[in-house]
Amino acid sequence: MLRKSREFKGVVTGGTIYQVAYSMQASIASPFLSNRGFSPSQIGLLNSLSWGIIGFASMPCGRLSDAIGRRLPLILSSILGTFACILVYWSTNLFTALSLYVLIGFSIAFFTPNANALIFESVEYRKAPVFFAIFYLATLVGSSVGSFLSGWLSKNIISQFPFLAASLSFLASIPVYAVFIKNRTGYENSEIRVIYSSFNIKAMVDTLRRNKRLLLYGFSLFFHELGFFMINPYVSLFAKEVISLDMAGVGMVIAFWNIGSAVGFLPWAWATTKAGSGKMLLIHLLVSSPAWALLAFSNDFFTILLFIFIFGLVGSMDLPARRTLTAELSEGGRLGEAMGFIELGNGLSGMLGGVVGGLLWEVFGPASIFYAASILTILSTPFLFLVISSRNR
């Protein structure tokens, strides 16, 4: 039990440092590349490439950690982030920009399924939603700190300095993983065979054929995730262009979004331990639909602050319940693989959501993205209900 508690502390501490680093580079990457002559379409293509890598690489990266343990993949995720940022810091061209998005994509693919699997393995099962909430609350703080540091460093030192700071932060997470997380030794096959097995597409398909509930669960979340990623890139633009806020006002909107999430994580997690992960996730989908549509009715500074706070508060119901239900649906000790599979829909949604949202904005107007996303999340509910019903039979 002491070892498990130690590993939870390690993944929370290392994950928070990782999130500081990720947020530092993510906050500045698009405007930095734009100032270096990259067009919006080129930046959008790089973002889509990164999301595609996250989607398709997360499941094999999770399988790898099931075979060799969680520590090495987490360390590798930080190494990839370090190299990605240091390349752009030293020289900015097409190759280094492409490397940034590709390496960050693989970094997240190694980090997300393995960190979440380790959390579930290192805590008491019945309280897993609460520990997931603690992790996401800590990383939310890390993300906010990273965004602030990125803006301050680029303004007061040089524009590319946040990439150097991010690379050092990625590097700083490695000793935490090495000290706090136990290394798994003695796996049966050679390193080459383990890597081949982890990226074996047929084996992954066979896993999903055997675990049809996990497959249906992943499909059920796709529409909800697509709706979220239609909204996510355009909140700040909506605040600036439609509500006519200056950059300070836009920053306040994003801050209220984060505050709503921070306020909700722990109470919703405690509710999840009582109601169950499936029921709480279903409630989240049902409540998200009107909460997302509310954003379309924002017409001044105070209404958008209220509605974005509600958006964050409702959104904080999602991840603790989602990660717990994913763990409950995994079979045969394949927890990392299951966590990685759920990221497939997330990655595909990230690729498509921004494009679909942008088209809706241009054709039907800014409010249309919120209405469309609201409808999409309702489409997810019957499929999730089937998953929950099949578990109860």
Protein backbone atom coordinates (compact mmCIF):
# COMPACT_ATOMS: atom_id res chain seq x y z
CA MET A 1 0.00 0.00 0.00
CA LEU A 2 2.88 2.37 0.81
CA ARG A 3 4.43 1.67 -2.59
CA LYS A 4 1.11 2.38 -4.29
CA SER A 5 0.71 5.66 -2.38
CA ARG A 6 4.25 6.61 -3.39
CA GLU A 7 3.50 5.92 -7.05
CA PHE A 8 0.36 8.08 -6.94
CA LYS A 9 2.41 10.96 -5.51
CA GLY A 10 4.94 10.40 -8.28
CA VAL A 11 2.46 10.48 -11.13
CA VAL A 12 0.68 13.56 -9.72
CA THR A 13 3.93 15.47 -9.15
CA GLY A 14 5.55 14.40 -12.41
CA GLY A 15 2.30 14.89 -14.32
CA THR A 16 1.87 18.42 -13.00
CA ILE A 17 5.42 19.36 -14.03
CA TYR A 18 4.76 17.73 -17.41
CA GLN A 19 1.58 19.80 -17.80
CA VAL A 20 3.44 23.02 -16.99
CA ALA A 21 5.88 22.18 -19.80
CA TYR A 22 3.18 21.14 -22.27
CA SER A 23 1.14 24.28 -21.62
CA MET A 24 4.18 26.56 -22.01
CA GLN A 25 4.82 25.34 -25.55
CA ALA A 26 1.16 24.87 -26.53
CA SER A 27 0.17 28.40 -25.47
CA ILE A 28 2.70 30.02 -27.76
CA ALA A 29 3.21 27.53 -30.62
CA SER A 30 0.52 28.81 -33.02
CA PRO A 31 1.20 32.58 -32.71
CA PHE A 32 4.96 31.95 -32.68
CA LEU A 33 4.83 29.98 -35.93
CA SER A 34 2.44 32.53 -37.43
CA ASN A 35 5.00 35.27 -36.76
CA ARG A 36 7.62 33.07 -38.48
CA GLY A 37 5.63 32.99 -41.72
CA PHE A 38 3.49 29.89 -41.32
CA SER A 39 -0.05 30.28 -42.68
CA PRO A 40 -3.16 29.45 -40.61
CA SER A 41 -3.85 26.45 -42.84
CA GLN A 42 -0.30 25.12 -42.31
CA ILE A 43 -0.62 25.52 -38.54
CA GLY A 44 -4.03 23.84 -38.64
CA LEU A 45 -2.57 20.95 -40.61
CA LEU A 46 0.22 20.53 -38.06
CA ASN A 47 -2.33 20.52 -35.23
CA SER A 48 -4.41 17.90 -37.03
CA LEU A 49 -1.29 15.78 -37.56
CA SER A 50 -0.50 15.95 -33.85
CA TRP A 51 -4.04 14.93 -32.86
CA GLY A 52 -3.92 12.07 -35.36
CA ILE A 53 -0.72 10.77 -33.79
CA ILE A 54 -2.28 11.02 -30.32
CA GLY A 55 -5.31 9.08 -31.50
CA PHE A 56 -3.57 6.27 -33.34
CA ALA A 57 -0.48 5.90 -31.13
CA SER A 58 -2.12 5.94 -27.67
CA MET A 59 -3.43 2.37 -27.79
CA PRO A 60 -0.09 0.74 -28.76
CA CYS A 61 1.72 2.98 -26.26
CA GLY A 62 -0.71 1.78 -23.60
CA ARG A 63 -0.12 -1.83 -24.64
CA LEU A 64 3.62 -1.27 -24.31
CA SER A 65 3.23 -0.01 -20.75
CA ASP A 66 1.07 -3.04 -19.88
CA ALA A 67 4.04 -5.19 -20.91
CA ILE A 68 7.01 -3.27 -19.47
CA GLY A 69 5.51 -1.14 -16.69
CA ARG A 70 4.53 2.51 -16.46
CA ARG A 71 7.82 4.18 -15.55
CA LEU A 72 9.77 3.88 -18.81
CA PRO A 73 6.92 5.11 -21.09
CA LEU A 74 6.36 8.13 -18.82
CA ILE A 75 10.07 8.95 -18.92
CA LEU A 76 10.04 8.55 -22.70
CA SER A 77 7.09 10.96 -22.97
CA SER A 78 9.15 13.64 -21.21
CA ILE A 79 12.25 12.94 -23.33
CA LEU A 80 10.21 13.40 -26.51
CA GLY A 81 8.77 16.67 -25.19
CA THR A 82 12.26 17.91 -24.33
CA PHE A 83 13.64 17.26 -27.82
CA ALA A 84 10.55 18.73 -29.51
CA CYS A 85 10.88 22.06 -27.72
CA ILE A 86 14.66 22.38 -27.87
CA LEU A 87 14.61 21.91 -31.66
CA VAL A 88 12.20 24.82 -32.17
CA TYR A 89 14.13 26.98 -29.71
CA TRP A 90 17.40 26.63 -31.63
CA SER A 91 15.96 26.93 -35.13
CA THR A 92 12.50 27.50 -36.57
CA ASN A 93 11.83 26.01 -39.99
CA LEU A 94 9.47 23.50 -41.58
CA PHE A 95 11.44 20.53 -40.26
CA THR A 96 11.58 21.71 -36.63
CA ALA A 97 7.93 22.83 -36.68
CA LEU A 98 6.91 19.43 -38.01
CA SER A 99 9.13 17.76 -35.41
CA LEU A 100 7.47 19.79 -32.64
CA TYR A 101 3.95 18.60 -33.46
CA VAL A 102 4.97 15.01 -34.25
CA LEU A 103 7.10 14.55 -31.12
CA ILE A 104 4.54 16.26 -28.87
CA GLY A 105 1.88 13.97 -30.35
CA PHE A 106 3.89 10.87 -29.43
CA SER A 107 4.76 12.39 -26.06
CA ILE A 108 1.07 12.74 -25.16
CA ALA A 109 0.36 9.25 -26.53
CA PHE A 110 2.90 7.83 -24.08
CA PHE A 111 1.81 10.06 -21.19
CA THR A 112 -2.00 9.98 -21.11
CA PRO A 113 -2.88 6.25 -21.08
CA ASN A 114 0.05 5.35 -18.84
CA ALA A 115 -0.53 8.09 -16.28
CA ASN A 116 -4.23 7.23 -16.01
CA ALA A 117 -3.57 3.50 -15.79
CA LEU A 118 -1.00 4.08 -13.05
CA ILE A 119 -3.42 6.21 -11.04
CA PHE A 120 -6.06 3.47 -11.06
CA GLU A 121 -3.47 0.84 -10.12
CA SER A 122 -2.02 2.87 -7.25
CA VAL A 123 -5.18 3.85 -5.34
CA GLU A 124 -8.10 2.21 -3.59
CA TYR A 125 -10.56 1.05 -6.27
CA ARG A 126 -13.69 2.51 -4.67
CA LYS A 127 -12.11 5.96 -4.36
CA ALA A 128 -10.55 6.01 -7.82
CA PRO A 129 -12.73 8.91 -9.10
CA VAL A 130 -11.52 11.12 -6.24
CA PHE A 131 -7.87 10.36 -6.99
CA PHE A 132 -8.44 11.02 -10.69
CA ALA A 133 -9.99 14.36 -9.70
CA ILE A 134 -6.95 15.22 -7.55
CA PHE A 135 -4.69 14.44 -10.51
CA TYR A 136 -6.71 16.56 -12.94
CA LEU A 137 -7.01 19.41 -10.47
CA ALA A 138 -3.22 19.41 -10.01
CA THR A 139 -2.57 19.31 -13.76
CA LEU A 140 -5.11 22.09 -14.30
CA VAL A 141 -3.08 24.25 -11.92
CA GLY A 142 0.05 23.23 -13.82
CA SER A 143 -1.56 24.17 -17.12
CA SER A 144 -2.57 27.60 -15.80
CA VAL A 145 0.94 28.24 -14.46
CA GLY A 146 2.46 27.14 -17.76
CA SER A 147 0.23 29.46 -19.80
CA PHE A 148 1.06 32.42 -17.56
CA LEU A 149 4.81 31.73 -17.68
CA SER A 150 4.71 31.32 -21.44
CA GLY A 151 3.12 34.72 -21.96
CA TRP A 152 5.40 36.45 -19.46
CA LEU A 153 8.61 34.91 -20.82
CA SER A 154 7.79 35.63 -24.46
CA LYS A 155 6.92 39.24 -23.63
CA ASN A 156 9.78 40.05 -21.25
CA ILE A 157 12.69 37.98 -22.61
CA ILE A 158 12.51 36.66 -26.20
CA SER A 159 9.61 35.14 -28.09
CA GLN A 160 11.11 31.64 -28.37
CA PHE A 161 12.30 31.43 -24.74
CA PRO A 162 9.17 29.54 -23.55
CA PHE A 163 10.30 26.60 -25.69
CA LEU A 164 13.60 26.43 -23.80
CA ALA A 165 11.77 26.72 -20.47
CA ALA A 166 9.33 24.00 -21.57
CA SER A 167 12.16 21.65 -22.52
CA LEU A 168 13.73 22.13 -19.07
CA SER A 169 10.37 21.49 -17.40
CA PHE A 170 9.83 18.30 -19.38
CA LEU A 171 13.32 17.26 -18.29
CA ALA A 172 12.51 18.04 -14.64
CA SER A 173 9.68 15.49 -14.58
CA ILE A 174 12.03 12.58 -15.38
CA PRO A 175 13.72 12.31 -11.94
CA VAL A 176 10.29 12.33 -10.30
CA TYR A 177 9.17 9.31 -12.34
CA ALA A 178 12.51 7.57 -11.77
CA VAL A 179 12.38 7.99 -7.99
CA PHE A 180 8.69 7.47 -7.22
CA ILE A 181 7.51 4.90 -9.77
CA LYS A 182 8.64 1.31 -9.52
CA ASN A 183 10.30 -0.26 -12.55
CA ARG A 184 8.88 -3.55 -13.80
CA THR A 185 11.53 -6.12 -14.63
CA GLY A 186 11.54 -9.68 -15.81
CA TYR A 187 9.05 -9.53 -18.66
CA GLU A 188 9.25 -12.70 -20.68
CA ASN A 189 9.99 -11.59 -24.25
CA SER A 190 12.89 -9.70 -25.79
CA GLU A 191 12.65 -5.93 -26.20
CA ILE A 192 12.08 -6.19 -29.96
CA ARG A 193 9.31 -8.74 -29.52
CA VAL A 194 7.61 -6.62 -26.84
CA ILE A 195 7.68 -3.53 -29.08
CA TYR A 196 6.37 -5.51 -32.05
CA SER A 197 3.58 -6.98 -29.93
CA SER A 198 2.61 -3.54 -28.64
CA PHE A 199 2.18 -2.14 -32.16
CA ASN A 200 0.56 -5.29 -33.59
CA ILE A 201 -2.66 -4.02 -35.21
CA LYS A 202 -4.21 -7.49 -35.45
CA ALA A 203 -3.70 -8.04 -31.72
CA MET A 204 -5.38 -4.72 -30.94
CA VAL A 205 -8.34 -5.55 -33.19
CA ASP A 206 -8.65 -8.96 -31.51
CA THR A 207 -8.75 -7.26 -28.12
CA LEU A 208 -11.67 -5.08 -29.22
CA ARG A 209 -13.48 -8.07 -30.72
CA ARG A 210 -13.24 -9.84 -27.38
CA ASN A 211 -14.24 -6.76 -25.39
CA LYS A 212 -17.23 -5.42 -27.31
CA ARG A 213 -18.39 -3.30 -24.38
CA LEU A 214 -15.13 -1.33 -24.50
CA LEU A 215 -15.54 -0.93 -28.26
CA LEU A 216 -19.11 0.38 -27.88
CA TYR A 217 -18.01 2.63 -25.04
CA GLY A 218 -15.31 4.23 -27.19
CA PHE A 219 -17.81 4.75 -30.01
CA SER A 220 -20.37 6.23 -27.62
CA LEU A 221 -17.98 9.01 -26.60
CA PHE A 222 -17.00 10.01 -30.14
CA PHE A 223 -19.93 12.37 -30.82
CA HIS A 224 -19.53 14.05 -27.44
CA GLU A 225 -15.80 14.53 -28.00
CA LEU A 226 -16.37 15.86 -31.52
CA GLY A 227 -18.79 18.43 -30.12
CA PHE A 228 -16.30 19.50 -27.47
CA PHE A 229 -13.49 19.96 -30.00
CA MET A 230 -15.82 22.00 -32.21
CA ILE A 231 -16.19 24.43 -29.30
CA ASN A 232 -12.75 24.30 -27.68
CA PRO A 233 -10.64 26.19 -30.28
CA TYR A 234 -13.25 28.92 -30.74
CA VAL A 235 -14.10 30.04 -27.20
CA SER A 236 -11.42 32.74 -27.17
CA LEU A 237 -12.28 33.81 -30.74
CA PHE A 238 -15.99 34.02 -29.83
CA ALA A 239 -15.14 36.19 -26.83
CA LYS A 240 -12.97 38.49 -28.96
CA GLU A 241 -15.01 38.75 -32.16
CA VAL A 242 -18.62 38.38 -30.98
CA ILE A 243 -18.53 39.81 -27.44
CA SER A 244 -15.86 42.36 -28.50
CA LEU A 245 -13.52 41.75 -25.57
CA ASP A 246 -9.89 42.82 -25.51
CA MET A 247 -7.13 40.30 -24.79
CA ALA A 248 -7.40 40.90 -21.03
CA GLY A 249 -11.10 40.10 -21.23
CA VAL A 250 -10.43 36.98 -23.28
CA GLY A 251 -7.92 35.88 -20.65
CA MET A 252 -10.56 36.37 -17.95
CA VAL A 253 -12.98 34.16 -19.89
CA ILE A 254 -10.43 31.34 -20.06
CA ALA A 255 -9.67 31.85 -16.36
CA PHE A 256 -13.37 31.45 -15.46
CA TRP A 257 -13.48 28.28 -17.54
CA ASN A 258 -10.61 26.88 -15.48
CA ILE A 259 -12.18 28.08 -12.23
CA GLY A 260 -15.41 26.26 -13.07
CA SER A 261 -13.45 23.07 -13.70
CA ALA A 262 -11.43 23.46 -10.51
CA VAL A 263 -14.54 24.02 -8.38
CA GLY A 264 -16.26 20.94 -9.79
CA PHE A 265 -13.60 18.22 -9.89
CA LEU A 266 -13.71 16.98 -6.28
CA PRO A 267 -17.48 17.29 -5.59
CA TRP A 268 -18.34 15.47 -8.83
CA ALA A 269 -15.72 12.83 -8.06
CA TRP A 270 -17.26 12.15 -4.64
CA ALA A 271 -20.66 11.91 -6.33
CA THR A 272 -19.19 9.41 -8.79
CA THR A 273 -18.07 7.15 -5.93
CA LYS A 274 -21.70 7.07 -4.75
CA ALA A 275 -23.62 6.96 -8.04
CA GLY A 276 -21.15 4.94 -10.10
CA SER A 277 -18.96 5.97 -13.01
CA GLY A 278 -21.41 4.97 -15.75
CA LYS A 279 -24.37 6.88 -14.31
CA MET A 280 -22.29 9.97 -13.63
CA LEU A 281 -20.88 9.99 -17.16
CA LEU A 282 -24.39 9.62 -18.58
CA ILE A 283 -25.59 12.54 -16.44
CA HIS A 284 -22.62 14.54 -17.70
CA LEU A 285 -23.66 13.99 -21.33
CA LEU A 286 -27.26 14.96 -20.62
CA VAL A 287 -26.29 18.12 -18.74
CA SER A 288 -23.58 19.08 -21.25
CA SER A 289 -26.09 19.54 -24.05
CA PRO A 290 -27.92 22.55 -22.53
CA ALA A 291 -24.71 23.85 -20.92
CA TRP A 292 -22.98 24.01 -24.30
CA ALA A 293 -25.99 25.62 -25.98
CA LEU A 294 -26.03 28.34 -23.30
CA LEU A 295 -22.76 29.74 -24.66
CA ALA A 296 -24.59 30.82 -27.81
CA PHE A 297 -26.68 33.22 -25.69
CA SER A 298 -23.64 35.11 -24.39
CA ASN A 299 -24.09 38.76 -25.30
CA ASP A 300 -21.84 40.67 -22.90
CA PHE A 301 -18.87 40.24 -20.58
CA PHE A 302 -20.88 39.06 -17.59
CA THR A 303 -23.07 36.53 -19.40
CA ILE A 304 -20.11 34.86 -21.09
CA LEU A 305 -18.29 34.66 -17.73
CA LEU A 306 -21.35 32.99 -16.18
CA PHE A 307 -21.90 30.56 -19.05
CA ILE A 308 -18.22 29.63 -19.43
CA PHE A 309 -18.07 28.97 -15.67
CA ILE A 310 -21.03 26.59 -16.07
CA PHE A 311 -19.28 25.05 -19.09
CA GLY A 312 -16.20 24.33 -16.96
CA LEU A 313 -18.25 23.12 -13.98
CA VAL A 314 -20.21 20.64 -16.09
CA GLY A 315 -17.05 19.59 -17.94
CA SER A 316 -15.35 18.59 -14.69
CA MET A 317 -17.87 15.75 -14.32
CA ASP A 318 -16.28 14.00 -17.30
CA LEU A 319 -12.73 12.83 -16.71
CA PRO A 320 -12.91 11.18 -13.25
CA ALA A 321 -15.98 9.20 -14.33
CA ARG A 322 -14.59 8.46 -17.80
CA ARG A 323 -11.23 7.14 -16.57
CA THR A 324 -12.87 5.04 -13.85
CA LEU A 325 -15.38 3.49 -16.27
CA THR A 326 -12.59 2.76 -18.76
CA ALA A 327 -10.66 0.91 -16.05
CA GLU A 328 -13.79 -1.02 -15.06
CA LEU A 329 -14.34 -2.13 -18.66
CA SER A 330 -10.75 -3.23 -19.25
CA GLU A 331 -10.06 -6.96 -19.20
CA GLY A 332 -7.10 -9.25 -18.57
CA GLY A 333 -4.74 -6.67 -17.07
CA ARG A 334 -4.85 -4.55 -20.24
CA LEU A 335 -5.52 -1.28 -18.46
CA GLY A 336 -3.05 0.83 -20.44
CA GLU A 337 -4.40 -0.56 -23.71
CA ALA A 338 -7.97 0.30 -22.70
CA MET A 339 -6.99 3.84 -21.68
CA GLY A 340 -5.16 4.22 -24.99
CA PHE A 341 -8.13 3.00 -27.02
CA ILE A 342 -10.38 5.69 -25.54
CA GLU A 343 -7.83 8.26 -26.72
CA LEU A 344 -8.40 7.09 -30.31
CA GLY A 345 -11.79 8.83 -30.40
CA ASN A 346 -10.26 11.82 -28.65
CA GLY A 347 -7.53 12.11 -31.28
CA LEU A 348 -9.91 11.74 -34.21
CA SER A 349 -12.24 14.32 -32.67
CA GLY A 350 -9.31 16.68 -32.21
CA MET A 351 -8.45 16.29 -35.90
CA LEU A 352 -12.00 16.91 -37.12
CA GLY A 353 -13.53 19.20 -34.51
CA GLY A 354 -11.65 22.38 -35.33
CA VAL A 355 -12.29 21.99 -39.05
CA VAL A 356 -16.01 21.28 -38.63
CA GLY A 357 -16.38 24.10 -36.11
CA GLY A 358 -14.64 26.54 -38.43
CA LEU A 359 -16.89 25.61 -41.36
CA LEU A 360 -20.02 26.03 -39.24
CA TRP A 361 -18.77 29.41 -38.01
CA GLU A 362 -18.21 30.67 -41.55
CA VAL A 363 -21.42 29.26 -43.08
CA PHE A 364 -24.02 29.54 -40.30
CA GLY A 365 -22.48 32.01 -37.87
CA PRO A 366 -20.59 31.75 -34.56
CA ALA A 367 -23.53 30.55 -32.44
CA SER A 368 -24.05 27.52 -34.69
CA ILE A 369 -21.03 25.66 -33.28
CA PHE A 370 -22.59 25.60 -29.80
CA TYR A 371 -25.96 24.36 -31.06
CA ALA A 372 -24.37 21.69 -33.26
CA ALA A 373 -22.13 20.50 -30.42
CA SER A 374 -25.15 20.37 -28.12
CA ILE A 375 -26.96 18.07 -30.55
CA LEU A 376 -23.90 15.87 -31.06
CA THR A 377 -23.45 15.20 -27.36
CA ILE A 378 -27.08 14.05 -27.12
CA LEU A 379 -26.32 11.51 -29.88
CA SER A 380 -23.76 9.89 -27.56
CA THR A 381 -26.25 9.18 -24.78
CA PRO A 382 -28.13 6.13 -26.17
CA PHE A 383 -24.87 4.32 -26.94
CA LEU A 384 -23.49 5.01 -23.47
CA PHE A 385 -26.80 3.82 -21.99
CA LEU A 386 -26.35 0.52 -23.83
CA VAL A 387 -22.86 0.15 -22.33
CA ILE A 388 -24.16 0.77 -18.82
CA SER A 389 -27.12 -1.57 -19.32
CA SER A 390 -24.87 -4.39 -20.58
CA ARG A 391 -22.71 -4.05 -17.44
CA ASN A 392 -25.74 -4.40 -15.18
CA ARG A 393 -27.05 -7.56 -16.83
